Protein backbone atom coordinates (compact mmCIF):
# COMPACT_ATOMS: atom_id res chain seq x y z
CA UNK A 1 84.54 49.66 -17.84
CA UNK A 2 84.79 50.55 -21.54
CA UNK A 3 86.71 53.69 -20.63
CA UNK A 4 89.21 51.69 -18.58
CA UNK A 5 89.71 49.20 -21.40
CA UNK A 6 90.03 52.03 -23.94
CA UNK A 7 92.60 53.88 -21.82
CA UNK A 8 94.65 50.70 -21.44
CA UNK A 9 94.54 50.03 -25.18
CA UNK A 10 95.53 53.65 -25.88
CA UNK A 11 98.52 53.48 -23.52
CA UNK A 12 99.73 50.21 -25.05
CA UNK A 13 99.24 51.53 -28.57
CA UNK A 14 101.10 54.77 -27.89
CA UNK A 15 103.93 52.90 -26.25
CA UNK A 16 104.24 50.43 -29.11
CA UNK A 17 104.28 53.03 -31.90
CA UNK A 18 106.38 55.54 -29.94
CA UNK A 19 104.26 58.49 -31.03
CA UNK A 20 103.51 61.70 -29.16
CA UNK A 21 99.87 61.73 -30.41
CA UNK A 22 97.60 59.28 -32.25
CA UNK A 23 94.05 59.16 -33.70
CA UNK A 24 91.95 56.14 -32.60
CA UNK A 25 88.89 54.55 -34.26
CA UNK A 26 86.26 52.00 -33.06
CA UNK A 27 84.03 49.62 -35.04
CA UNK A 28 80.57 48.28 -34.16
CA UNK A 29 82.09 45.38 -32.16
CA UNK A 30 84.05 47.78 -29.96
CA UNK A 31 87.44 46.97 -31.44
CA UNK A 32 89.95 49.85 -31.51
CA UNK A 33 92.06 50.72 -34.57
CA UNK A 34 94.72 53.32 -35.41
CA UNK A 35 93.54 53.91 -39.00
CA UNK A 36 90.18 54.93 -40.49
CA UNK A 37 88.03 52.52 -42.51
CA UNK A 38 84.41 51.88 -43.44
CA UNK A 39 82.29 51.23 -40.37
CA UNK A 40 84.80 52.77 -37.96
CA UNK A 41 84.00 55.82 -35.84
CA UNK A 42 86.68 58.31 -34.73
CA UNK A 43 87.23 58.28 -30.97
CA UNK A 44 89.51 61.27 -30.83
CA UNK A 45 93.19 62.26 -30.64
CA UNK A 46 95.25 61.04 -27.69
CA UNK A 47 98.58 62.56 -26.61
CA UNK A 48 101.48 60.90 -24.87
CA UNK A 49 101.92 63.52 -22.12
CA UNK A 50 105.11 62.03 -20.63
CA UNK A 51 106.80 61.89 -24.03
CA UNK A 52 105.78 65.49 -24.67
CA UNK A 53 107.21 66.59 -21.31
CA UNK A 54 110.51 64.89 -22.04
CA UNK A 55 110.69 66.51 -25.46
CA UNK A 56 110.12 69.95 -24.02
CA UNK A 57 112.73 69.37 -21.35
CA UNK A 58 115.37 67.92 -23.64
CA UNK A 59 115.48 70.52 -26.38
CA UNK A 60 114.48 74.04 -27.31
CA UNK A 61 115.07 77.60 -26.10
CA UNK A 62 113.95 78.87 -22.68
CA UNK A 63 114.22 82.23 -20.90
CA UNK A 64 111.13 82.87 -18.72
CA UNK A 65 111.18 81.80 -15.08
CA UNK A 66 107.76 80.22 -14.72
CA UNK A 67 108.06 80.24 -10.91
CA UNK A 68 108.50 84.02 -10.89
CA UNK A 69 105.86 86.37 -9.46
CA UNK A 70 103.82 88.35 -11.97
CA UNK A 71 105.46 91.79 -12.03
CA UNK A 72 103.92 94.84 -13.77
CA UNK A 73 105.75 93.93 -17.01
CA UNK A 74 105.52 90.16 -16.67
CA UNK A 75 107.49 87.30 -15.18
CA UNK A 76 111.21 87.61 -14.49
CA UNK A 77 113.62 85.88 -16.85
CA UNK A 78 116.21 83.31 -15.90
CA UNK A 79 119.89 84.28 -15.92
CA UNK A 80 120.52 84.28 -19.69
CA UNK A 81 118.67 82.51 -22.50
CA UNK A 82 119.22 78.74 -22.59
CA UNK A 83 119.60 76.68 -25.78
CA UNK A 84 119.40 72.87 -25.57
CA UNK A 85 120.18 70.80 -28.70
CA UNK A 86 117.86 67.98 -29.74
CA UNK A 87 120.64 65.47 -30.30
CA UNK A 88 122.51 66.15 -26.99
CA UNK A 89 120.04 67.04 -24.21
CA UNK A 90 122.78 66.95 -21.54
CA UNK A 91 124.57 69.80 -23.28
CA UNK A 92 123.42 73.41 -23.43
CA UNK A 93 124.47 76.97 -24.23
CA UNK A 94 123.45 80.19 -22.49
CA UNK A 95 123.83 83.79 -23.62
CA UNK A 96 122.61 87.08 -22.20
CA UNK A 97 123.33 90.70 -21.41
CA UNK A 98 123.46 92.96 -18.37
CA UNK A 99 123.17 96.73 -18.78
CA UNK A 100 122.99 99.16 -15.85
CA UNK A 101 122.65 102.89 -16.47
CA UNK A 102 123.23 105.68 -13.94
CA UNK A 103 122.37 109.37 -13.93
CA UNK A 104 124.36 110.98 -11.11
CA UNK A 105 124.78 114.32 -9.35
CA UNK A 106 127.68 114.57 -6.87
CA UNK A 107 128.47 117.52 -4.60
CA UNK A 108 131.83 117.51 -2.78
CA UNK A 109 132.16 119.90 0.18
CA UNK A 110 135.58 120.39 1.83
CA UNK A 111 135.94 121.40 5.47
CA UNK A 112 138.94 123.53 4.54
CA UNK A 113 137.60 126.84 3.23
CA UNK A 114 140.65 127.24 1.00
CA UNK A 115 139.60 124.22 -1.05
CA UNK A 116 137.10 124.63 -3.89
CA UNK A 117 133.84 122.69 -3.55
CA UNK A 118 132.69 120.86 -6.67
CA UNK A 119 129.44 119.75 -8.29
CA UNK A 120 129.56 117.17 -11.06
CA UNK A 121 126.59 115.88 -13.05
CA UNK A 122 127.21 112.72 -15.03
CA UNK A 123 125.51 109.97 -17.00
CA UNK A 124 127.27 106.67 -17.58
CA UNK A 125 126.84 102.94 -18.00
CA UNK A 126 127.57 101.44 -14.60
CA UNK A 127 127.88 97.94 -16.02
CA UNK A 128 127.88 96.66 -19.62
CA UNK A 129 128.32 92.91 -19.92
CA UNK A 130 127.95 90.06 -22.37
CA UNK A 131 127.51 86.76 -20.54
CA UNK A 132 127.89 83.26 -21.94
CA UNK A 133 127.92 79.76 -20.47
CA UNK A 134 128.12 76.25 -21.87
CA UNK A 135 127.25 72.87 -20.39
CA UNK A 136 129.41 69.93 -21.45
CA UNK A 137 127.40 67.20 -19.80
CA UNK A 138 125.85 66.20 -16.52
CA UNK A 139 128.67 67.47 -14.31
CA UNK A 140 130.72 70.13 -16.12
CA UNK A 141 130.10 73.62 -17.52
CA UNK A 142 131.94 76.82 -18.36
CA UNK A 143 130.89 80.38 -17.42
CA UNK A 144 132.40 83.69 -18.54
CA UNK A 145 131.56 87.32 -19.23
CA UNK A 146 133.12 90.22 -21.10
CA UNK A 147 132.60 93.61 -19.49
CA UNK A 148 133.14 97.35 -19.87
CA UNK A 149 132.02 98.82 -16.53
CA UNK A 150 131.68 102.56 -15.86
CA UNK A 151 131.68 103.35 -19.56
CA UNK A 152 131.50 107.16 -20.19
CA UNK A 153 132.20 107.74 -16.49
CA UNK A 154 133.38 111.13 -15.24
CA UNK A 155 134.09 114.46 -16.90
CA UNK A 156 136.50 112.85 -19.35
CA UNK A 157 133.79 110.39 -20.49
CA UNK A 158 136.27 107.54 -20.31
CA UNK A 159 135.23 104.60 -22.45
CA UNK A 160 137.21 102.12 -20.44
CA UNK A 161 138.20 98.81 -22.02
CA UNK A 162 136.55 95.44 -22.37
CA UNK A 163 138.01 92.74 -20.15
CA UNK A 164 137.16 89.31 -18.84
CA UNK A 165 135.26 89.03 -15.54
CA UNK A 166 134.23 85.51 -14.57
CA UNK A 167 135.88 82.72 -16.56
CA UNK A 168 135.63 79.40 -14.78
CA UNK A 169 134.94 75.72 -15.25
CA UNK A 170 132.38 74.35 -12.81
CA UNK A 171 132.37 70.68 -11.90
CA UNK A 172 129.05 70.04 -10.21
CA UNK A 173 128.45 67.02 -7.98
CA UNK A 174 131.15 64.77 -9.47
CA UNK A 175 130.46 62.28 -6.65
CA UNK A 176 126.67 62.78 -6.86
CA UNK A 177 126.52 64.77 -3.65
CA UNK A 178 125.97 68.50 -3.10
CA UNK A 179 128.78 68.43 -0.52
CA UNK A 180 131.53 68.42 -3.16
CA UNK A 181 131.72 70.78 -6.14
CA UNK A 182 134.65 72.53 -7.81
CA UNK A 183 135.40 75.76 -9.67
CA UNK A 184 138.62 76.32 -11.58
CA UNK A 185 140.23 79.56 -12.86
CA UNK A 186 138.52 82.98 -12.53
CA UNK A 187 135.73 82.44 -9.99
CA UNK A 188 134.78 84.61 -7.01
CA UNK A 189 136.07 83.80 -3.56
CA UNK A 190 133.60 84.68 -0.82
CA UNK A 191 135.38 87.58 0.89
CA UNK A 192 132.00 89.31 1.34
CA UNK A 193 128.37 88.34 0.90
CA UNK A 194 127.41 91.47 -1.03
CA UNK A 195 130.50 91.14 -3.26
CA UNK A 196 129.66 87.51 -4.04
CA UNK A 197 126.01 88.22 -4.91
CA UNK A 198 125.64 88.81 -8.64
CA UNK A 199 125.59 92.56 -9.31
CA UNK A 200 122.25 92.18 -11.14
CA UNK A 201 120.75 91.03 -7.82
CA UNK A 202 122.13 93.59 -5.37
CA UNK A 203 119.85 96.26 -3.88
CA UNK A 204 122.19 99.16 -4.80
CA UNK A 205 124.53 98.93 -7.81
CA UNK A 206 127.40 100.61 -5.93
CA UNK A 207 128.34 98.32 -3.07
CA UNK A 208 129.66 99.55 0.32
CA UNK A 209 133.17 101.05 0.22
CA UNK A 210 134.47 98.64 2.85
CA UNK A 211 133.19 95.65 0.87
CA UNK A 212 134.85 96.97 -2.30
CA UNK A 213 138.12 97.19 -0.36
CA UNK A 214 137.73 93.56 0.70
CA UNK A 215 137.19 92.61 -2.95
CA UNK A 216 140.76 93.68 -3.76
CA UNK A 217 142.54 92.89 -0.49
CA UNK A 218 143.10 89.14 -0.95
CA UNK A 219 142.70 88.37 -4.65
CA UNK A 220 142.42 90.64 -7.69
CA UNK A 221 138.78 91.70 -7.95
CA UNK A 222 138.07 88.67 -5.66
CA UNK A 223 138.48 86.36 -8.63
CA UNK A 224 142.19 86.05 -9.42
CA UNK A 225 142.93 82.61 -10.93
CA UNK A 226 142.14 80.05 -8.25
CA UNK A 227 140.97 76.54 -7.44
CA UNK A 228 138.06 76.17 -5.05
CA UNK A 229 135.90 73.47 -3.53
CA UNK A 230 132.45 74.27 -2.20
CA UNK A 231 129.16 72.66 -1.30
CA UNK A 232 126.27 72.40 1.10
CA UNK A 233 124.58 69.88 3.37
CA UNK A 234 120.80 70.05 2.92
CA UNK A 235 121.19 73.83 2.52
CA UNK A 236 121.85 73.95 6.28
CA UNK A 237 125.62 74.28 6.02
CA UNK A 238 127.48 75.97 3.17
CA UNK A 239 131.26 76.11 2.78
CA UNK A 240 133.96 77.27 0.40
CA UNK A 241 137.73 76.73 0.51
CA UNK A 242 140.12 78.12 -2.09
CA UNK A 243 143.71 78.96 -2.98
CA UNK A 244 145.11 80.97 -5.86
CA UNK A 245 146.61 84.14 -7.24
CA UNK A 246 146.92 86.89 -4.64
CA UNK A 247 145.76 90.51 -4.88
CA UNK A 248 147.24 93.02 -7.29
CA UNK A 249 149.38 95.55 -5.36
CA UNK A 250 148.27 98.22 -7.83
CA UNK A 251 144.64 97.85 -6.75
CA UNK A 252 145.07 97.84 -2.97
CA UNK A 253 144.93 101.28 -1.35
CA UNK A 254 146.55 102.53 1.82
CA UNK A 255 144.45 104.11 4.59
CA UNK A 256 144.65 107.54 2.93
CA UNK A 257 143.12 106.18 -0.27
CA UNK A 258 146.29 106.16 -2.40
CA UNK A 259 146.46 103.16 -4.71
CA UNK A 260 149.44 100.89 -5.00
CA UNK A 261 149.69 101.83 -8.67
CA UNK A 262 150.03 105.53 -7.84
CA UNK A 263 152.57 104.74 -5.10
CA UNK A 264 154.66 102.71 -7.57
CA UNK A 265 154.83 99.45 -5.62
CA UNK A 266 157.39 96.89 -6.78
CA UNK A 267 156.70 93.35 -5.54
CA UNK A 268 159.63 90.90 -5.40
CA UNK A 269 158.09 88.00 -3.44
CA UNK A 270 154.43 87.09 -3.11
CA UNK A 271 152.71 83.85 -2.08
CA UNK A 272 149.36 82.45 -3.14
CA UNK A 273 146.29 83.32 -1.07
CA UNK A 274 144.32 80.69 0.84
CA UNK A 275 141.26 80.57 3.07
CA UNK A 276 137.60 79.76 3.23
CA UNK A 277 134.11 80.57 4.43
CA UNK A 278 131.48 78.69 6.43
CA UNK A 279 127.77 79.62 6.55
CA UNK A 280 124.95 78.15 8.62
CA UNK A 281 121.17 78.23 8.28
CA UNK A 282 120.24 76.84 11.73
CA UNK A 283 116.42 77.03 11.59
CA UNK A 284 114.30 74.45 9.77
CA UNK A 285 112.43 76.01 6.86
CA UNK A 286 114.74 79.05 6.84
CA UNK A 287 117.52 77.63 4.68
CA UNK A 288 119.28 79.80 2.14
CA UNK A 289 118.57 78.32 -1.29
CA UNK A 290 119.77 81.17 -3.49
CA UNK A 291 122.46 83.82 -3.01
CA UNK A 292 120.79 87.18 -3.66
CA UNK A 293 119.73 90.43 -2.03
CA UNK A 294 116.46 90.73 -3.95
CA UNK A 295 113.83 88.19 -2.89
CA UNK A 296 110.75 89.83 -4.44
CA UNK A 297 108.57 89.05 -1.42
CA UNK A 298 108.90 85.28 -1.82
CA UNK A 299 109.98 82.78 0.87
CA UNK A 300 112.20 83.21 3.90
CA UNK A 301 115.76 82.51 5.08
CA UNK A 302 118.20 83.16 7.91
CA UNK A 303 121.97 82.67 7.59
CA UNK A 304 125.10 83.49 9.58
CA UNK A 305 128.64 83.03 8.32
CA UNK A 306 132.33 83.76 8.84
CA UNK A 307 135.42 83.71 6.62
CA UNK A 308 139.20 83.91 6.95
CA UNK A 309 141.49 84.69 4.02
CA UNK A 310 145.26 85.29 4.02
CA UNK A 311 148.30 86.13 1.90
CA UNK A 312 151.22 84.88 4.03
CA UNK A 313 153.95 86.71 2.10
CA UNK A 314 154.02 90.01 0.21
CA UNK A 315 157.44 91.66 -0.02
CA UNK A 316 158.88 94.48 -2.10
CA UNK A 317 159.50 98.22 -2.11
CA UNK A 318 157.36 101.32 -2.44
CA UNK A 319 158.05 104.46 -4.47
CA UNK A 320 161.18 106.51 -4.90
CA UNK A 321 161.82 106.24 -1.16
CA UNK A 322 162.12 102.46 -1.69
CA UNK A 323 160.35 101.89 1.62
CA UNK A 324 160.44 98.21 2.52
CA UNK A 325 157.13 96.36 2.10
CA UNK A 326 156.84 93.19 4.18
CA UNK A 327 153.24 92.15 4.73
CA UNK A 328 151.36 89.15 6.10
CA UNK A 329 147.96 90.26 4.93
CA UNK A 330 144.71 88.70 6.20
CA UNK A 331 140.98 89.44 6.13
CA UNK A 332 138.25 88.37 8.54
CA UNK A 333 134.64 88.64 7.37
CA UNK A 334 131.40 87.88 9.22
CA UNK A 335 127.87 88.08 7.86
CA UNK A 336 124.26 87.76 8.97
CA UNK A 337 121.29 87.88 6.63
CA UNK A 338 117.62 87.07 6.57
CA UNK A 339 114.36 87.75 4.83
CA UNK A 340 110.69 87.04 5.43
CA UNK A 341 108.46 87.60 2.44
CA UNK A 342 108.85 91.30 1.56
CA UNK A 343 111.32 92.22 4.32
CA UNK A 344 115.10 91.71 3.91
CA UNK A 345 118.03 92.69 6.14
CA UNK A 346 121.72 91.87 6.08
CA UNK A 347 124.94 93.09 7.69
CA UNK A 348 128.65 92.35 7.41
CA UNK A 349 131.78 93.02 9.48
CA UNK A 350 135.34 93.26 8.10
CA UNK A 351 138.76 93.28 9.74
CA UNK A 352 141.86 93.93 7.61
CA UNK A 353 145.29 93.10 9.04
CA UNK A 354 148.63 94.60 7.90
CA UNK A 355 147.06 97.68 6.37
CA UNK A 356 149.59 100.34 5.28
CA UNK A 357 148.78 103.75 6.77
CA UNK A 358 150.56 105.80 4.09
CA UNK A 359 152.62 104.55 1.15
CA UNK A 360 154.41 107.90 0.86
CA UNK A 361 156.62 107.58 3.94
CA UNK A 362 160.24 106.33 4.29
CA UNK A 363 159.13 103.70 6.82
CA UNK A 364 155.75 102.08 6.41
CA UNK A 365 153.42 102.06 9.42
CA UNK A 366 151.25 98.93 9.53
CA UNK A 367 148.01 98.44 11.45
CA UNK A 368 144.45 97.16 11.28
CA UNK A 369 141.28 98.46 9.69
CA UNK A 370 137.71 97.54 10.67
CA UNK A 371 134.33 98.34 9.19
CA UNK A 372 130.75 97.21 8.84
CA UNK A 373 127.56 97.95 6.96
CA UNK A 374 123.88 97.08 7.30
CA UNK A 375 121.19 97.23 4.64
CA UNK A 376 117.46 96.53 4.51
CA UNK A 377 114.70 96.54 1.91
CA UNK A 378 110.94 96.04 1.92
CA UNK A 379 109.12 94.97 -1.25
CA UNK A 380 105.46 96.00 -1.51
CA UNK A 381 104.17 93.03 -3.50
CA UNK A 382 100.64 94.44 -3.47
CA UNK A 383 101.80 97.86 -4.73
CA UNK A 384 103.50 97.23 -8.08
CA UNK A 385 106.68 95.80 -6.45
CA UNK A 386 107.93 99.17 -5.26
CA UNK A 387 110.73 98.58 -2.73
CA UNK A 388 112.21 101.27 -0.42
CA UNK A 389 115.63 100.49 1.09
CA UNK A 390 118.26 101.94 3.44
CA UNK A 391 121.96 101.27 4.04
CA UNK A 392 124.50 102.54 6.57
CA UNK A 393 128.26 102.00 6.59
CA UNK A 394 131.01 102.81 9.09
CA UNK A 395 134.70 102.23 8.38
CA UNK A 396 137.78 103.03 10.46
CA UNK A 397 140.47 102.79 7.80
CA UNK A 398 143.37 102.79 10.30
CA UNK A 399 142.63 102.01 13.92
CA UNK A 400 144.31 104.00 16.69
CA UNK A 401 144.93 107.13 14.61
CA UNK A 402 142.45 110.00 14.30
CA UNK A 403 141.29 111.22 10.92
CA UNK A 404 140.70 107.89 9.18
CA UNK A 405 137.00 107.42 9.95
CA UNK A 406 134.41 107.42 7.17
CA UNK A 407 130.65 106.87 7.14
CA UNK A 408 128.08 106.51 4.39
CA UNK A 409 124.28 106.68 4.70
CA UNK A 410 121.89 105.80 1.89
CA UNK A 411 118.13 105.80 1.34
CA UNK A 412 116.29 105.02 -1.85
CA UNK A 413 113.65 103.05 -3.67
CA UNK A 414 113.69 100.37 -6.38
CA UNK A 415 110.83 99.51 -8.68
CA UNK A 416 110.93 95.92 -9.91
CA UNK A 417 109.05 96.24 -13.19
CA UNK A 418 110.00 92.71 -14.20
CA UNK A 419 111.99 91.53 -11.22
CA UNK A 420 115.72 91.93 -11.80
CA UNK A 421 115.18 91.65 -15.56
CA UNK A 422 113.87 95.23 -15.78
CA UNK A 423 114.09 97.59 -12.82
CA UNK A 424 114.58 101.27 -12.09
CA UNK A 425 115.49 103.11 -8.91
CA UNK A 426 116.72 106.26 -7.26
CA UNK A 427 118.60 106.99 -4.06
CA UNK A 428 120.38 109.63 -2.04
CA UNK A 429 123.75 108.97 -0.39
CA UNK A 430 125.74 111.09 2.08
CA UNK A 431 129.42 110.28 2.75
CA UNK A 432 131.60 111.82 5.46
CA UNK A 433 135.39 111.34 5.34
CA UNK A 434 138.06 112.17 7.93
CA UNK A 435 140.83 114.68 7.40
CA UNK A 436 143.50 112.10 6.53
CA UNK A 437 141.48 110.47 3.77
CA UNK A 438 142.31 111.98 0.41
CA UNK A 439 144.66 114.84 -0.44
CA UNK A 440 142.61 117.87 0.59
CA UNK A 441 141.50 117.24 4.17
CA UNK A 442 138.11 116.20 5.52
CA UNK A 443 135.23 116.33 3.07
CA UNK A 444 131.59 115.32 2.62
CA UNK A 445 129.89 114.05 -0.52
CA UNK A 446 126.19 114.27 -1.34
CA UNK A 447 125.22 111.93 -4.17
CA UNK A 448 121.90 111.51 -5.95
CA UNK A 449 121.52 108.69 -8.47
CA UNK A 450 118.81 107.47 -10.84
CA UNK A 451 119.45 103.89 -11.94
CA UNK A 452 118.08 101.36 -14.40
CA UNK A 453 118.80 97.77 -15.36
CA UNK A 454 118.09 95.43 -18.27
CA UNK A 455 119.19 91.87 -17.59
CA UNK A 456 118.38 88.60 -19.27
């Protein structure tokens, strides 16, 4: 009974003085005091746990993901370090870095004996990024990064140039429902699952060729300035709709692999892009709660989805031949993905409409291009988080004409030393390209890469 009375008195006392911790004393009659005096015995120090929890939540600096598995080098970090001010707990600032290094050996073998085969060994920084974000209150925040990808890439050791990647304002749950959220300015549109997943969380740093083509086909680097609305219903249904600045003609290649920049495209009339994506997680308990390819042996999900994106008008001329360019470009994407504990598998299908076969012709021949890839990984959680993976890709760059087929097969292993915060890997990749792809006829490439990542 005395303990109950004492606990009640302690709670009332703590609440009245507003302290996080207090020392209590008791005299011979059993009365409780908050200050020492003659005849009083110390009862001990009592902490206001709820107040302490609120204090820890409202201010300070955090980086470690406490829900992370224990990897060989410790728990994984959150995306960037978070700073929360004491006087404005609804505001915050995040900062972090992403560094990916690659050691690469590439052999190119031409089917034509008159062409010279090549072997190039290279070391470069696949991605170098400074990431920042700021929260302005309960509903709004800003995210951006500055990047210099493929620094020191190739024989020329090109340094590249720093440029802006993401740069968007996010308005989260303005109507207090997960069904309605907004992003404004430079934010990714979901033309492909693997292109939308953060590059720090993909299985292989170099994404499938067909997915990279999709990233440029509708909007520049899939994040030209746009306005988008997105949301989910109990994680069972996810959607995104968007409209904005269309793709850069310089970045979109014809079926032979020639870029619009090299072909000297001159655009005179171009509309905005529009479109959207819908994804479903139909099975209870298998909802997709986080967009990633690396699940670290935790949880399960199953998702299917489809997207349609279009640029209704793209008109201009190409090259010195001034060939007329008149396109109604569209992209169809379908995806399926799932994981169960250590096992993950995903696949995507792409269909490109109004693809140019060859920019360097007086009259442009338009057609369709289709491709797909599938990838899978297994994480051995009981063996130091070593994770072997495979990927296969098939892409017909111009349907109905021989010589435009390409395939790519990959096998490798990742070692998640601290989840995605610190990881290393290696893989072998074999590419086969048809005779009309490139300038020197059919060719094969054999690529071996050793990779590493530091991300926090």
